[in-house]
C-alpha atoms as a PDB file:
ATOM      1  CA  MET A   1     101.890  88.574 102.690  1.00  0.00           C
ATOM      2  CA  LEU A   2     103.376  86.383 105.423  1.00  0.00           C
ATOM      3  CA  VAL A   3     102.247  87.817 108.723  1.00  0.00           C
ATOM      4  CA  ALA A   4     102.379  87.546 112.466  1.00  0.00           C
ATOM      5  CA  ARG A   5      99.040  88.359 114.059  1.00  0.00           C
ATOM      6  CA  GLY A   6      98.364  90.123 117.296  1.00  0.00           C
ATOM      7  CA  ARG A   7      94.994  90.682 118.903  1.00  0.00           C
ATOM      8  CA  ARG A   8      94.222  93.791 116.917  1.00  0.00           C
ATOM      9  CA  LYS A   9      96.417  93.803 113.823  1.00  0.00           C
ATOM     10  CA  ALA A  10      98.688  91.887 111.520  1.00  0.00           C
ATOM     11  CA  MET A  11     102.303  92.766 110.811  1.00  0.00           C
ATOM     12  CA  LEU A  12     104.829  91.361 108.384  1.00  0.00           C
ATOM     13  CA  SER A  13     106.490  88.315 109.914  1.00  0.00           C
ATOM     14  CA  PRO A  14     110.290  88.358 110.177  1.00  0.00           C
ATOM     15  CA  PHE A  15     110.296  84.548 109.817  1.00  0.00           C
ATOM     16  CA  PHE A  16     109.196  82.602 106.739  1.00  0.00           C
ATOM     17  CA  ALA A  17     108.421  79.165 108.165  1.00  0.00           C
ATOM     18  CA  LYS A  18     107.303  80.417 111.569  1.00  0.00           C
ATOM     19  CA  CYS A  19     104.784  82.978 110.307  1.00  0.00           C
ATOM     20  CA  ASP A  20     101.238  82.801 111.687  1.00  0.00           C
ATOM     21  CA  GLY A  21      99.844  82.663 108.175  1.00  0.00           C
ATOM     22  CA  VAL A  22      99.206  84.328 104.846  1.00  0.00           C
ATOM     23  CA  LEU A  23      97.221  87.564 104.682  1.00  0.00           C
ATOM     24  CA  LEU A  24      95.599  87.910 101.275  1.00  0.00           C
ATOM     25  CA  ILE A  25      94.950  91.515 100.277  1.00  0.00           C
ATOM     26  CA  ASP A  26      92.838  92.313  97.235  1.00  0.00           C
ATOM     27  CA  PRO A  27      94.754  95.059  95.376  1.00  0.00           C
ATOM     28  CA  GLY A  28      91.502  96.491  94.017  1.00  0.00           C
ATOM     29  CA  GLU A  29      89.913  96.714  97.444  1.00  0.00           C
ATOM     30  CA  ALA A  30      92.489  97.606 100.095  1.00  0.00           C
ATOM     31  CA  GLN A  31      89.979  96.933 102.885  1.00  0.00           C
ATOM     32  CA  LYS A  32      89.308  93.359 101.724  1.00  0.00           C
ATOM     33  CA  HIS A  33      91.576  90.901 103.554  1.00  0.00           C
ATOM     34  CA  GLN A  34      91.523  87.154 104.070  1.00  0.00           C
ATOM     35  CA  PHE A  35      93.760  85.267 106.506  1.00  0.00           C
ATOM     36  CA  ARG A  36      94.889  81.661 106.059  1.00  0.00           C
ATOM     37  CA  ALA A  37      96.619  80.095 109.063  1.00  0.00           C
ATOM     38  CA  ASN A  38      99.996  78.379 108.850  1.00  0.00           C
ATOM     39  CA  ARG A  39      99.323  75.455 111.174  1.00  0.00           C
ATOM     40  CA  GLU A  40     102.450  73.327 110.628  1.00  0.00           C
ATOM     41  CA  ARG A  41     105.042  76.123 110.611  1.00  0.00           C
ATOM     42  CA  THR A  42     107.715  74.476 108.499  1.00  0.00           C
ATOM     43  CA  GLY A  43     109.309  75.818 105.321  1.00  0.00           C
ATOM     44  CA  GLU A  44     107.655  73.126 103.209  1.00  0.00           C
ATOM     45  CA  ALA A  45     104.216  73.679 104.765  1.00  0.00           C
ATOM     46  CA  THR A  46     104.527  77.451 104.323  1.00  0.00           C
ATOM     47  CA  CYS A  47     105.419  77.010 100.639  1.00  0.00           C
ATOM     48  CA  ASP A  48     102.474  74.625 100.238  1.00  0.00           C
ATOM     49  CA  LEU A  49     100.157  77.169 101.873  1.00  0.00           C
ATOM     50  CA  VAL A  50     101.375  79.985  99.613  1.00  0.00           C
ATOM     51  CA  LEU A  51     101.004  77.835  96.496  1.00  0.00           C
ATOM     52  CA  ALA A  52      97.535  76.658  97.549  1.00  0.00           C
ATOM     53  CA  THR A  53      96.311  80.268  97.623  1.00  0.00           C
ATOM     54  CA  GLY A  54      97.106  80.734  93.935  1.00  0.00           C
ATOM     55  CA  ILE A  55      98.791  84.090  94.555  1.00  0.00           C
ATOM     56  CA  THR A  56     101.427  85.426  92.175  1.00  0.00           C
ATOM     57  CA  LYS A  57     102.885  88.087  94.487  1.00  0.00           C
ATOM     58  CA  LEU A  58     104.302  87.562  97.967  1.00  0.00           C
ATOM     59  CA  ILE A  59     105.844  89.895 100.537  1.00  0.00           C
ATOM     60  CA  CYS A  60     107.904  88.468 103.368  1.00  0.00           C
ATOM     61  CA  GLY A  61     110.470  89.689 105.883  1.00  0.00           C
ATOM     62  CA  PHE A  62     112.867  86.832 105.144  1.00  0.00           C
ATOM     63  CA  ILE A  63     112.930  83.749 102.924  1.00  0.00           C
ATOM     64  CA  ASP A  64     115.704  81.195 102.554  1.00  0.00           C
ATOM     65  CA  GLU A  65     117.087  80.246  99.159  1.00  0.00           C
ATOM     66  CA  ALA A  66     115.411  76.826  98.889  1.00  0.00           C
ATOM     67  CA  ASP A  67     111.929  78.190  99.630  1.00  0.00           C
ATOM     68  CA  ARG A  68     112.502  81.197  97.370  1.00  0.00           C
ATOM     69  CA  SER A  69     113.585  78.924  94.524  1.00  0.00           C
ATOM     70  CA  ARG A  70     110.569  76.653  94.945  1.00  0.00           C
ATOM     71  CA  LEU A  71     108.064  79.520  94.947  1.00  0.00           C
ATOM     72  CA  SER A  72     109.802  81.360  92.113  1.00  0.00           C
ATOM     73  CA  ALA A  73     109.717  78.187  90.010  1.00  0.00           C
ATOM     74  CA  HIS A  74     105.924  78.279  90.397  1.00  0.00           C
ATOM     75  CA  GLY A  75     105.754  81.891  89.183  1.00  0.00           C
ATOM     76  CA  VAL A  76     105.506  83.687  92.521  1.00  0.00           C
ATOM     77  CA  ASP A  77     107.102  87.178  92.513  1.00  0.00           C
ATOM     78  CA  ILE A  78     108.683  87.498  95.983  1.00  0.00           C
ATOM     79  CA  ARG A  79     109.573  90.827  97.534  1.00  0.00           C
ATOM     80  CA  LEU A  80     111.175  91.701 100.861  1.00  0.00           C
ATOM     81  CA  GLY A  81     109.557  94.207 103.161  1.00  0.00           C
ATOM     82  CA  SER A  82     110.307  95.888 106.458  1.00  0.00           C
ATOM     83  CA  CYS A  83     108.465  94.438 109.440  1.00  0.00           C
ATOM     84  CA  SER A  84     108.094  97.951 110.867  1.00  0.00           C
ATOM     85  CA  ARG A  85     105.873  99.115 107.973  1.00  0.00           C
ATOM     86  CA  PRO A  86     102.081  98.660 107.976  1.00  0.00           C
ATOM     87  CA  VAL A  87     100.889  95.756 105.839  1.00  0.00           C
ATOM     88  CA  THR A  88      98.580  98.001 103.797  1.00  0.00           C
ATOM     89  CA  VAL A  89     101.518 100.246 102.869  1.00  0.00           C
ATOM     90  CA  LEU A  90     103.678  97.260 101.928  1.00  0.00           C
ATOM     91  CA  ALA A  91     100.917  95.867  99.716  1.00  0.00           C
ATOM     92  CA  ARG A  92     100.380  99.226  98.022  1.00  0.00           C
ATOM     93  CA  GLU A  93     104.125  99.670  97.381  1.00  0.00           C
ATOM     94  CA  PHE A  94     104.772  96.067  96.212  1.00  0.00           C
ATOM     95  CA  ASN A  95     106.486  97.053  92.938  1.00  0.00           C
ATOM     96  CA  ALA A  96     108.953  99.325  94.784  1.00  0.00           C
ATOM     97  CA  LEU A  97     110.061  96.603  97.214  1.00  0.00           C
ATOM     98  CA  PRO A  98     113.344  94.759  96.538  1.00  0.00           C
ATOM     99  CA  LYS A  99     113.120  91.321  94.965  1.00  0.00           C
ATOM    100  CA  ALA A 100     114.081  88.413  97.177  1.00  0.00           C
END
């Protein structure tokens, strides 16, 4: 999940390239999270970060067509979520989210 991080919690980022990083959530253990920072904050760097994680499912608030095409070509299932919803709820409801 592409997130923006505050001091106490993470929320879905409304921006693809400008997100703070990728929050990896283990679907089998909802409490197990790992954060990987997005240091360069460009579309290409964000795609590289996502692909480097090896994930096959991604939730974001927005993604442009070029980045969506690149990730989809590598087998990543991309869904769009609402930034007002908690990240744990979005992760749990992945299959109900609209495809990007």
